[in-house]
Amino acid sequence: MKHVTLPGGEVVASLGQGTWKMGERAERRSDEIAALRAGVELGMTLIDTAEMYGDGAAETPVSYTHLTLPTIYSV
């Protein structure tokens, strides 16, 4: 996996995962968690989420992954 350096000096994976539609439907939660875990296993440790994603629920699948990720950066 290639990495990039952010303006503050942090080094992150150049390919990340988005959570735009995650967290909207409980019946999809296990698939969303599995997708996030698979991405991290492949080196995609950059996870993009925001309050407006999934009507505010996009962080929920991320929290259920129980992954140990590098420091979270807010850009």
C-alpha atoms as a PDB file:
ATOM      1  CA  MET A   1       0.000   0.000   0.000  1.00  0.00           C
ATOM      2  CA  LYS A   2       1.306   3.414  -0.908  1.00  0.00           C
ATOM      3  CA  HIS A   3       1.186   6.174   1.678  1.00  0.00           C
ATOM      4  CA  VAL A   4       0.959   9.961   1.575  1.00  0.00           C
ATOM      5  CA  THR A   5       2.106  12.586   4.025  1.00  0.00           C
ATOM      6  CA  LEU A   6      -0.533  15.061   5.194  1.00  0.00           C
ATOM      7  CA  PRO A   7       0.363  18.743   5.653  1.00  0.00           C
ATOM      8  CA  GLY A   8       0.803  18.164   9.396  1.00  0.00           C
ATOM      9  CA  GLY A   9       3.345  15.401   8.795  1.00  0.00           C
ATOM     10  CA  GLU A  10       1.058  12.446   9.459  1.00  0.00           C
ATOM     11  CA  VAL A  11       1.589   9.482   7.121  1.00  0.00           C
ATOM     12  CA  VAL A  12      -1.606   7.719   6.009  1.00  0.00           C
ATOM     13  CA  ALA A  13      -2.585   5.097   3.448  1.00  0.00           C
ATOM     14  CA  SER A  14      -3.185   6.634   0.026  1.00  0.00           C
ATOM     15  CA  LEU A  15      -6.334   4.541  -0.444  1.00  0.00           C
ATOM     16  CA  GLY A  16      -9.072   4.720   2.155  1.00  0.00           C
ATOM     17  CA  GLN A  17     -12.607   3.584   2.819  1.00  0.00           C
ATOM     18  CA  GLY A  18     -15.651   5.813   2.751  1.00  0.00           C
ATOM     19  CA  THR A  19     -18.667   5.408   5.026  1.00  0.00           C
ATOM     20  CA  TRP A  20     -21.164   7.661   3.190  1.00  0.00           C
ATOM     21  CA  LYS A  21     -24.132   5.245   3.256  1.00  0.00           C
ATOM     22  CA  MET A  22     -23.096   3.117   6.233  1.00  0.00           C
ATOM     23  CA  GLY A  23     -25.128   3.010   9.423  1.00  0.00           C
ATOM     24  CA  GLU A  24     -28.460   3.755   7.771  1.00  0.00           C
ATOM     25  CA  ARG A  25     -29.944   0.266   8.057  1.00  0.00           C
ATOM     26  CA  ALA A  26     -29.364  -2.116  10.967  1.00  0.00           C
ATOM     27  CA  GLU A  27     -29.801  -5.194   8.756  1.00  0.00           C
ATOM     28  CA  ARG A  28     -26.662  -4.184   6.828  1.00  0.00           C
ATOM     29  CA  ARG A  29     -24.476  -3.691   9.900  1.00  0.00           C
ATOM     30  CA  SER A  30     -22.679  -7.057   9.805  1.00  0.00           C
ATOM     31  CA  ASP A  31     -21.824  -6.600   6.104  1.00  0.00           C
ATOM     32  CA  GLU A  32     -20.588  -3.067   6.726  1.00  0.00           C
ATOM     33  CA  ILE A  33     -18.393  -4.206   9.614  1.00  0.00           C
ATOM     34  CA  ALA A  34     -17.013  -7.072   7.513  1.00  0.00           C
ATOM     35  CA  ALA A  35     -16.234  -4.662   4.666  1.00  0.00           C
ATOM     36  CA  LEU A  36     -14.377  -2.270   6.973  1.00  0.00           C
ATOM     37  CA  ARG A  37     -12.397  -5.093   8.556  1.00  0.00           C
ATOM     38  CA  ALA A  38     -11.471  -6.526   5.137  1.00  0.00           C
ATOM     39  CA  GLY A  39     -10.305  -3.117   3.952  1.00  0.00           C
ATOM     40  CA  VAL A  40      -8.101  -2.634   7.011  1.00  0.00           C
ATOM     41  CA  GLU A  41      -6.625  -6.099   6.530  1.00  0.00           C
ATOM     42  CA  LEU A  42      -5.723  -5.025   2.981  1.00  0.00           C
ATOM     43  CA  GLY A  43      -4.001  -1.899   4.282  1.00  0.00           C
ATOM     44  CA  MET A  44      -6.794   0.665   3.924  1.00  0.00           C
ATOM     45  CA  THR A  45      -6.474   2.102   7.416  1.00  0.00           C
ATOM     46  CA  LEU A  46      -7.766   5.528   6.386  1.00  0.00           C
ATOM     47  CA  ILE A  47     -11.521   5.585   7.076  1.00  0.00           C
ATOM     48  CA  ASP A  48     -13.500   8.642   5.980  1.00  0.00           C
ATOM     49  CA  THR A  49     -16.577   9.436   8.037  1.00  0.00           C
ATOM     50  CA  ALA A  50     -18.533  12.556   8.943  1.00  0.00           C
ATOM     51  CA  GLU A  51     -21.506  13.566  11.061  1.00  0.00           C
ATOM     52  CA  MET A  52     -23.705  13.937   7.988  1.00  0.00           C
ATOM     53  CA  TYR A  53     -22.897  10.473   6.577  1.00  0.00           C
ATOM     54  CA  GLY A  54     -25.702   7.979   7.176  1.00  0.00           C
ATOM     55  CA  ASP A  55     -27.772  10.662   8.904  1.00  0.00           C
ATOM     56  CA  GLY A  56     -25.178  10.750  11.670  1.00  0.00           C
ATOM     57  CA  ALA A  57     -24.879   6.990  12.079  1.00  0.00           C
ATOM     58  CA  ALA A  58     -21.849   6.261   9.864  1.00  0.00           C
ATOM     59  CA  GLU A  59     -19.523   6.074  12.856  1.00  0.00           C
ATOM     60  CA  THR A  60     -21.526   3.174  14.323  1.00  0.00           C
ATOM     61  CA  PRO A  61     -20.213   0.433  11.990  1.00  0.00           C
ATOM     62  CA  VAL A  62     -16.680   1.771  12.487  1.00  0.00           C
ATOM     63  CA  SER A  63     -17.055   1.528  16.260  1.00  0.00           C
ATOM     64  CA  TYR A  64     -18.295  -2.069  15.998  1.00  0.00           C
ATOM     65  CA  THR A  65     -15.259  -3.241  14.024  1.00  0.00           C
ATOM     66  CA  HIS A  66     -13.195  -3.386  17.253  1.00  0.00           C
ATOM     67  CA  LEU A  67     -10.072  -2.643  15.251  1.00  0.00           C
ATOM     68  CA  THR A  68      -6.937  -1.053  16.574  1.00  0.00           C
ATOM     69  CA  LEU A  69      -6.166   1.659  14.053  1.00  0.00           C
ATOM     70  CA  PRO A  70      -3.529   4.365  13.955  1.00  0.00           C
ATOM     71  CA  THR A  71      -4.376   7.766  15.390  1.00  0.00           C
ATOM     72  CA  ILE A  72      -7.510   9.381  13.979  1.00  0.00           C
ATOM     73  CA  TYR A  73      -6.862  12.663  12.199  1.00  0.00           C
ATOM     74  CA  SER A  74      -9.427  15.350  11.609  1.00  0.00           C
ATOM     75  CA  VAL A  75      -8.851  17.282   8.422  1.00  0.00           C
END
